[in-house]
Amino acid sequence: MNENEHGGFFAKARLDEDPRGRVTGLSVRRAGVDSVPSSLAELRDLRALDLSYNGVGTLPESLGTLPALTELRLDALGLSSLPASLRGLTGLEVLSLYKNRLTEAPSWLPELTGLRTLNLADNELTSLPSGLSGLKHLHTLDLGHNRLPELPPDLGELPSLDRYLYLSDNALRSVPRSLCRLSRLRYLNITDNRLTRLPDEFGALGALRELRLYHNELAELPDSFGALHSLREAHLMGNRLRSLPDTLGGLRELRELRLMDNEVTALPPSIGALRRLRHLDLRNNQLRELPDAVAGLTELTHLDLRNNRLTRLPDALATLPALEKLDLRWNVLDSWPAWLDDLELRGCAVLT
C-alpha cells in the first residue's frame, strides 16, 4: 500500500493494530483530506473506521468490501448519497452519518441487521425506508434535525430499542400508536416538532426515565401519562398545556418536572404524591393558586413560580423541609405571608 497516495491520506491517519500487527482501527477524523482511496479495501482486518469531518463529498465503492468492519463513522463529509456496496457490511454494529446532505435513507439500510447504533441526525431526510423493524439489535436511533413529516409504523417494532430514540427538530404532527410498543425504551426526545397530541397508549412506555417534549403544540396529556412509573425527568416546556391529568401522581420516580411557558391554570391535587420531586418549574403559566397537596413534595428543592397570576400561597409551602429556592417574582399576591421570612432564615432563597 502506498502510504503517500491521495495527498498523504494514510500519512494523516491514526492506526490501531492488534498484537500481530494487523490494522484493526483507522481514523482520519478532522484531518483535512478531500478524498478516500480505494486502497482502503486492502485493510481486511479493519474493524473501526472514522472518516468524519473532512471535505470528501463521495466515497469509493470499495468501502463496502471490508469484511471485518463493525464501526463506521461518516459524519460531516458532505455526502448526498452512499455507495450501494455498503449494503454488504452486514457485520456493522455502529453506523453514524450525522450532519450530511442525505435527502433519503438508502432502501438497503434494513439489511444491516447487526446494527446496534444508527445515527442519521442533521441531514435532509423527508422519509425513511420500509422494513426498519428488521434491525432487531438496534438499541440507539437518532433521527433528529431532519425534515420528517411522519414516522413509519414499524418503528415501534424494534425489540432491542431500549436506550435512546431522538426525533427532535423534524416536522412531526403526530407519533404513531405503534411507538408506544417500545416498552423498554429509557430516553425519548421529540422536541421542536408540531405535535398536537400524544397517543392514548403513551403510558405503555413504562421504562422511560427521561422524556423531552418541549417546543411542540400539545394542548393536553393523555390520562395514561401517569403510568410512566419509571420517569425521572419530564421536560414539557413551550407547549399549550392548560391542565395536567389527575393521574400525574403516578409518576412516583419523578425528580424534575419542567412546565414553563405553557398555559396551565391549575395543578391536580395528585401532584402531592410526587414524593421524589426535586425541581418544579412552572414559570410563565396562568396559575392563580396552588393546591394544599404540595405539602407532600418533601424532597422539593427548587420551585419556580415566576410570572403567573398567583394571588395567595398555601401555608403548605412553609412546611417543605428541603426547599432551597422559591421564586415568586412577577405575581400579584394580595399579601406576602409572614412565613416567607422563616423560609429565608432557615436558608431558602426567596425571590419576590
Protein backbone atom coordinates (compact mmCIF):
# COMPACT_ATOMS: atom_id res chain seq x y z
CA MET A 1 0.00 0.00 0.00
CA ASN A 2 1.32 3.40 -0.97
CA GLU A 3 1.06 5.49 2.21
CA ASN A 4 1.56 8.75 0.34
CA GLU A 5 -1.17 8.35 -2.27
CA HIS A 6 -4.09 10.78 -2.33
CA GLY A 7 -2.17 13.62 -0.73
CA GLY A 8 -0.88 11.55 2.17
CA PHE A 9 -4.22 10.10 3.29
CA PHE A 10 -2.58 7.27 5.17
CA ALA A 11 0.19 9.53 6.47
CA LYS A 12 -2.53 11.56 8.23
CA ALA A 13 -4.32 8.55 9.62
CA ARG A 14 -4.15 7.20 13.14
CA LEU A 15 -3.86 3.44 13.08
CA ASP A 16 -4.67 0.85 15.72
CA GLU A 17 -3.03 -2.54 15.43
CA ASP A 18 -3.54 -5.88 17.15
CA PRO A 19 -0.66 -7.91 18.64
CA ARG A 20 0.02 -9.48 15.24
CA GLY A 21 0.46 -6.10 13.60
CA ARG A 22 -2.83 -6.21 11.72
CA VAL A 23 -4.58 -2.85 11.30
CA THR A 24 -7.90 -3.02 13.18
CA GLY A 25 -8.71 0.70 13.52
CA LEU A 26 -8.19 3.73 11.31
CA SER A 27 -9.15 7.34 11.97
CA VAL A 28 -8.61 10.39 9.76
CA ARG A 29 -11.12 12.50 11.70
CA ARG A 30 -10.66 16.23 11.01
CA ALA A 31 -7.50 15.53 9.02
CA GLY A 32 -8.25 17.85 6.09
CA VAL A 33 -8.40 15.12 3.46
CA ASP A 34 -10.51 15.61 0.32
CA SER A 35 -10.78 12.04 -0.99
CA VAL A 36 -10.82 8.46 0.23
CA PRO A 37 -8.53 6.00 -1.59
CA SER A 38 -9.89 2.72 -2.96
CA SER A 39 -6.88 1.01 -1.42
CA LEU A 40 -8.70 1.03 1.92
CA ALA A 41 -10.12 -2.29 0.76
CA GLU A 42 -6.73 -3.87 1.42
CA LEU A 43 -7.23 -3.47 5.17
CA ARG A 44 -9.07 -6.76 5.52
CA ASP A 45 -8.87 -6.82 9.31
CA LEU A 46 -10.20 -3.31 9.81
CA ARG A 47 -12.93 -3.22 12.45
CA ALA A 48 -13.35 0.53 13.10
CA LEU A 49 -13.14 3.32 10.51
CA ASP A 50 -13.69 7.02 11.18
CA LEU A 51 -13.58 9.40 8.20
CA SER A 52 -15.60 12.17 9.84
CA TYR A 53 -15.28 15.93 9.34
CA ASN A 54 -13.41 16.00 6.08
CA GLY A 55 -14.29 17.56 2.71
CA VAL A 56 -14.79 14.28 0.91
CA GLY A 57 -18.24 14.51 -0.73
CA THR A 58 -18.20 10.97 -2.16
CA LEU A 59 -16.99 7.55 -1.05
CA PRO A 60 -15.47 4.70 -3.11
CA GLU A 61 -17.48 1.53 -3.70
CA SER A 62 -14.56 -0.44 -2.25
CA LEU A 63 -15.61 0.77 1.20
CA GLY A 64 -18.25 -1.93 1.20
CA THR A 65 -15.70 -4.73 0.87
CA LEU A 66 -14.27 -4.57 4.40
CA PRO A 67 -15.49 -7.87 5.86
CA ALA A 68 -14.45 -7.26 9.50
CA LEU A 69 -15.89 -3.75 9.84
CA THR A 70 -18.16 -3.28 12.87
CA GLU A 71 -17.96 0.51 13.34
CA LEU A 72 -18.20 3.09 10.56
CA ARG A 73 -18.33 6.83 11.23
CA LEU A 74 -19.01 9.09 8.26
CA ASP A 75 -20.08 12.32 9.98
CA ALA A 76 -19.96 15.71 8.24
CA LEU A 77 -18.50 14.59 4.92
CA GLY A 78 -20.92 16.46 2.66
CA LEU A 79 -22.46 13.20 1.44
CA SER A 80 -25.65 13.36 -0.63
CA SER A 81 -25.60 9.63 -1.39
CA LEU A 82 -23.91 6.45 -0.23
CA PRO A 83 -22.20 3.70 -2.23
CA ALA A 84 -24.54 0.76 -2.77
CA SER A 85 -21.73 -1.57 -1.73
CA LEU A 86 -22.25 -0.58 1.91
CA ARG A 87 -25.22 -2.95 1.99
CA GLY A 88 -22.65 -5.73 2.18
CA LEU A 89 -21.39 -4.60 5.60
CA THR A 90 -23.74 -6.93 7.44
CA GLY A 91 -21.40 -7.10 10.44
CA LEU A 92 -21.76 -3.38 11.18
CA GLU A 93 -22.84 -2.57 14.71
CA VAL A 94 -22.35 1.22 14.61
CA LEU A 95 -23.16 3.42 11.61
CA SER A 96 -23.01 7.20 12.01
CA LEU A 97 -23.99 9.52 9.15
CA TYR A 98 -24.52 12.65 11.21
CA LYS A 99 -24.53 16.05 9.51
CA ASN A 100 -24.51 15.16 5.84
CA ARG A 101 -26.81 16.09 2.94
CA LEU A 102 -28.85 12.93 2.60
CA THR A 103 -32.42 13.54 1.42
CA GLU A 104 -33.38 9.89 1.82
CA ALA A 105 -32.03 6.96 3.73
CA PRO A 106 -30.93 4.10 1.46
CA SER A 107 -33.53 1.40 0.88
CA TRP A 108 -30.99 -1.28 1.82
CA LEU A 109 -30.45 0.11 5.31
CA PRO A 110 -32.66 -2.58 6.95
CA GLU A 111 -30.29 -5.22 5.52
CA LEU A 112 -27.64 -4.17 8.05
CA THR A 113 -29.23 -6.44 10.60
CA GLY A 114 -26.33 -6.32 13.06
CA LEU A 115 -26.72 -2.59 13.75
CA ARG A 116 -26.89 -1.54 17.38
CA THR A 117 -26.46 2.21 16.91
CA LEU A 118 -27.70 4.20 13.91
CA ASN A 119 -27.20 7.97 13.65
CA LEU A 120 -28.91 9.78 10.76
CA ALA A 121 -29.24 13.12 12.52
CA ASP A 122 -28.82 16.51 10.87
CA ASN A 123 -29.48 15.52 7.29
CA GLU A 124 -32.39 16.48 5.00
CA LEU A 125 -34.44 13.31 5.28
CA THR A 126 -38.12 13.52 4.39
CA SER A 127 -38.85 9.78 4.61
CA LEU A 128 -37.48 6.53 5.96
CA PRO A 129 -37.22 3.16 4.22
CA SER A 130 -39.69 0.41 4.99
CA GLY A 131 -38.52 -2.61 6.91
CA LEU A 132 -36.68 -0.86 9.74
CA SER A 133 -38.24 -3.45 12.06
CA GLY A 134 -35.61 -5.83 10.71
CA LEU A 135 -32.97 -4.07 12.82
CA LYS A 136 -33.58 -6.44 15.72
CA HIS A 137 -30.44 -5.47 17.65
CA LEU A 138 -30.78 -1.68 17.42
CA HIS A 139 -30.66 -0.01 20.84
CA THR A 140 -29.98 3.62 19.81
CA LEU A 141 -31.58 5.52 16.91
CA ASP A 142 -31.01 9.20 16.14
CA LEU A 143 -33.27 10.79 13.51
CA GLY A 144 -33.13 14.32 14.90
CA HIS A 145 -32.73 17.52 12.86
CA ASN A 146 -34.25 16.29 9.64
CA ARG A 147 -37.49 17.09 7.75
CA LEU A 148 -39.55 14.03 8.57
CA PRO A 149 -43.32 14.74 8.43
CA GLU A 150 -44.22 11.30 9.79
CA LEU A 151 -42.74 8.12 11.20
CA PRO A 152 -43.16 4.62 9.80
CA PRO A 153 -45.46 2.40 11.88
CA ASP A 154 -42.83 -0.33 12.16
CA LEU A 155 -40.63 1.99 14.22
CA GLY A 156 -42.44 0.50 17.20
CA GLU A 157 -41.34 -3.00 16.22
CA LEU A 158 -37.70 -2.62 17.25
CA PRO A 159 -37.43 -5.10 20.13
CA SER A 160 -34.00 -4.01 21.37
CA LEU A 161 -34.54 -0.23 21.22
CA ASP A 162 -34.02 0.38 24.92
CA ARG A 163 -31.52 3.25 25.20
CA TYR A 164 -32.14 6.34 23.08
CA LEU A 165 -34.63 7.49 20.44
CA TYR A 166 -34.05 11.01 19.14
CA LEU A 167 -36.73 12.57 16.92
CA SER A 168 -36.15 16.25 17.68
CA ASP A 169 -36.43 19.09 15.17
CA ASN A 170 -38.49 17.44 12.44
CA ALA A 171 -41.96 18.26 11.05
CA LEU A 172 -43.91 15.68 13.05
CA ARG A 173 -47.55 16.46 13.84
CA SER A 174 -48.19 13.10 15.48
CA VAL A 175 -46.44 9.91 16.51
CA PRO A 176 -47.82 6.50 15.57
CA ARG A 177 -49.58 4.47 18.23
CA SER A 178 -47.10 1.69 17.49
CA LEU A 179 -44.33 3.81 19.04
CA CYS A 180 -45.90 3.02 22.41
CA ARG A 181 -44.82 -0.61 21.98
CA LEU A 182 -41.23 0.38 22.79
CA SER A 183 -41.78 -0.78 26.34
CA ARG A 184 -38.03 -1.00 27.09
CA LEU A 185 -37.07 2.49 25.86
CA ARG A 186 -35.43 4.67 28.51
CA TYR A 187 -34.90 8.01 26.71
CA LEU A 188 -37.24 9.69 24.22
CA ASN A 189 -36.71 13.10 22.64
CA ILE A 190 -39.41 14.57 20.34
CA THR A 191 -38.67 18.26 20.94
CA ASP A 192 -39.14 21.06 18.41
CA ASN A 193 -41.83 19.42 16.31
CA ARG A 194 -45.52 20.20 15.71
CA LEU A 195 -47.17 17.61 17.92
CA THR A 196 -50.72 18.48 18.92
CA ARG A 197 -51.45 15.32 20.90
CA LEU A 198 -49.93 12.08 22.15
CA PRO A 199 -51.40 8.60 21.64
CA ASP A 200 -53.78 7.46 24.37
CA GLU A 201 -51.46 4.47 24.88
CA PHE A 202 -48.44 6.68 25.67
CA GLY A 203 -48.24 5.35 29.21
CA ALA A 204 -47.22 1.96 27.83
CA LEU A 205 -43.68 3.35 27.55
CA GLY A 206 -43.19 2.12 31.07
CA ALA A 207 -39.38 2.05 31.11
CA LEU A 208 -38.95 5.73 30.17
CA ARG A 209 -36.63 7.62 32.52
CA GLU A 210 -36.26 10.85 30.57
CA LEU A 211 -38.86 12.42 28.29
CA ARG A 212 -38.29 15.58 26.29
CA LEU A 213 -41.34 17.02 24.53
CA TYR A 214 -40.67 20.73 24.71
CA HIS A 215 -41.50 23.20 21.93
CA ASN A 216 -44.49 21.43 20.44
CA GLU A 217 -48.19 22.33 20.31
CA LEU A 218 -49.56 19.93 22.90
CA ALA A 219 -52.79 21.10 24.48
CA GLU A 220 -53.19 18.13 26.82
CA LEU A 221 -51.55 14.96 28.06
CA PRO A 222 -53.29 11.57 27.91
CA ASP A 223 -54.58 10.05 31.15
CA SER A 224 -52.13 7.20 30.65
CA PHE A 225 -49.26 9.67 31.20
CA GLY A 226 -49.38 8.83 34.89
CA ALA A 227 -48.47 5.22 34.09
CA LEU A 228 -44.87 6.23 33.31
CA HIS A 229 -43.80 4.88 36.67
CA SER A 230 -40.04 4.91 35.90
CA LEU A 231 -39.96 8.50 34.62
CA ARG A 232 -37.40 10.74 36.36
CA GLU A 233 -37.39 13.81 34.10
CA ALA A 234 -40.31 15.33 32.17
CA HIS A 235 -39.43 18.33 30.00
CA LEU A 236 -42.71 19.76 28.73
CA MET A 237 -41.98 23.47 28.39
CA GLY A 238 -43.10 25.54 25.44
CA ASN A 239 -46.38 23.80 24.66
CA ARG A 240 -50.03 24.85 25.03
CA LEU A 241 -50.93 22.80 28.08
CA ARG A 242 -53.81 24.26 30.09
CA SER A 243 -54.12 21.44 32.61
CA LEU A 244 -52.45 18.24 33.75
CA PRO A 245 -54.11 14.84 34.12
CA ASP A 246 -55.27 13.72 37.57
CA THR A 247 -53.07 10.65 37.06
CA LEU A 248 -49.94 12.81 37.44
CA GLY A 249 -49.34 11.40 40.91
CA GLY A 250 -48.48 8.06 39.36
CA LEU A 251 -45.06 9.41 38.36
CA ARG A 252 -43.57 8.13 41.58
CA GLU A 253 -39.92 8.31 40.44
CA LEU A 254 -40.14 11.84 39.01
CA ARG A 255 -37.31 14.19 40.03
CA GLU A 256 -37.75 17.04 37.51
CA LEU A 257 -40.96 18.47 36.09
CA ARG A 258 -40.43 21.41 33.76
CA LEU A 259 -43.63 23.08 32.58
CA MET A 260 -42.57 26.66 31.91
CA ASP A 261 -44.07 28.58 29.00
CA ASN A 262 -47.43 26.81 28.93
CA GLU A 263 -50.97 27.92 29.83
CA VAL A 264 -51.55 25.83 32.95
CA THR A 265 -54.30 27.29 35.13
CA ALA A 266 -54.31 24.74 37.98
CA LEU A 267 -52.38 21.77 39.33
CA PRO A 268 -54.15 18.50 40.19
CA PRO A 269 -54.14 17.56 43.90
CA SER A 270 -52.36 14.33 42.93
CA ILE A 271 -49.17 16.36 42.48
CA GLY A 272 -48.64 15.86 46.21
CA ALA A 273 -47.88 12.19 45.52
CA LEU A 274 -44.65 13.10 43.73
CA ARG A 275 -42.57 12.32 46.80
CA ARG A 276 -39.23 12.33 44.96
CA LEU A 277 -39.74 15.55 43.00
CA ARG A 278 -36.85 17.99 43.43
CA HIS A 279 -37.27 20.58 40.67
CA LEU A 280 -40.65 22.02 39.69
CA ASP A 281 -40.59 24.81 37.11
CA LEU A 282 -43.95 26.49 36.46
CA ARG A 283 -42.85 29.93 35.33
CA ASN A 284 -44.83 31.72 32.61
CA ASN A 285 -48.14 29.95 33.14
CA GLN A 286 -51.61 31.06 34.27
CA LEU A 287 -51.72 29.69 37.82
CA ARG A 288 -53.96 31.54 40.28
CA GLU A 289 -53.32 29.26 43.24
CA LEU A 290 -51.54 26.10 44.34
CA PRO A 291 -53.25 23.10 45.95
CA ASP A 292 -52.57 22.38 49.62
CA ALA A 293 -51.38 18.97 48.42
CA VAL A 294 -47.98 20.50 47.61
CA ALA A 295 -47.19 19.70 51.25
CA GLY A 296 -46.41 16.20 50.03
CA LEU A 297 -43.40 17.38 47.99
CA THR A 298 -40.99 16.65 50.81
CA GLU A 299 -37.88 16.39 48.60
CA LEU A 300 -38.57 19.54 46.56
CA THR A 301 -35.53 21.85 46.47
CA HIS A 302 -36.43 24.32 43.69
CA LEU A 303 -39.86 25.78 42.95
CA ASP A 304 -40.13 28.39 40.20
CA LEU A 305 -43.46 30.24 40.06
CA ARG A 306 -42.38 33.34 38.17
CA ASN A 307 -44.86 35.23 36.04
CA ASN A 308 -48.10 33.51 36.96
CA ARG A 309 -51.32 35.03 38.37
CA LEU A 310 -50.97 33.91 41.96
CA THR A 311 -52.92 35.95 44.48
CA ARG A 312 -52.21 33.73 47.50
CA LEU A 313 -49.82 31.00 48.61
CA PRO A 314 -50.76 27.90 50.58
CA ASP A 315 -49.23 27.67 54.03
CA ALA A 316 -48.13 24.19 52.99
CA LEU A 317 -45.12 25.73 51.24
CA ALA A 318 -43.72 26.72 54.63
CA THR A 319 -43.54 23.05 55.64
CA LEU A 320 -41.39 21.82 52.77
CA PRO A 321 -38.23 20.63 54.55
CA ALA A 322 -35.84 20.50 51.57
CA LEU A 323 -36.80 23.75 49.81
CA GLU A 324 -33.71 25.75 48.83
CA LYS A 325 -35.13 28.23 46.32
CA LEU A 326 -38.61 29.70 45.89
CA ASP A 327 -39.04 32.16 43.02
CA LEU A 328 -42.24 34.23 43.24
CA ARG A 329 -41.34 37.17 41.02
CA TRP A 330 -43.91 38.81 38.74
CA ASN A 331 -47.02 37.59 40.54
CA VAL A 332 -49.83 39.65 42.08
CA LEU A 333 -50.11 38.32 45.64
CA ASP A 334 -52.70 40.06 47.79
CA SER A 335 -50.25 39.88 50.69
CA TRP A 336 -46.91 38.31 51.49
CA PRO A 337 -47.20 35.60 54.15
CA ALA A 338 -45.05 36.02 57.25
CA TRP A 339 -43.60 32.54 56.89
CA LEU A 340 -41.56 33.67 53.88
CA ASP A 341 -39.18 35.26 56.40
CA ASP A 342 -38.94 31.95 58.24
CA LEU A 343 -38.01 30.19 55.00
CA GLU A 344 -35.21 32.65 54.42
CA LEU A 345 -33.93 32.31 57.97
CA ARG A 346 -33.52 28.59 57.52
CA GLY A 347 -31.52 29.14 54.30
CA CYS A 348 -34.10 29.07 51.50
CA ALA A 349 -33.58 31.73 48.84
CA VAL A 350 -36.93 33.51 48.38
CA LEU A 351 -37.17 35.80 45.36
CA THR A 352 -40.04 38.27 45.33
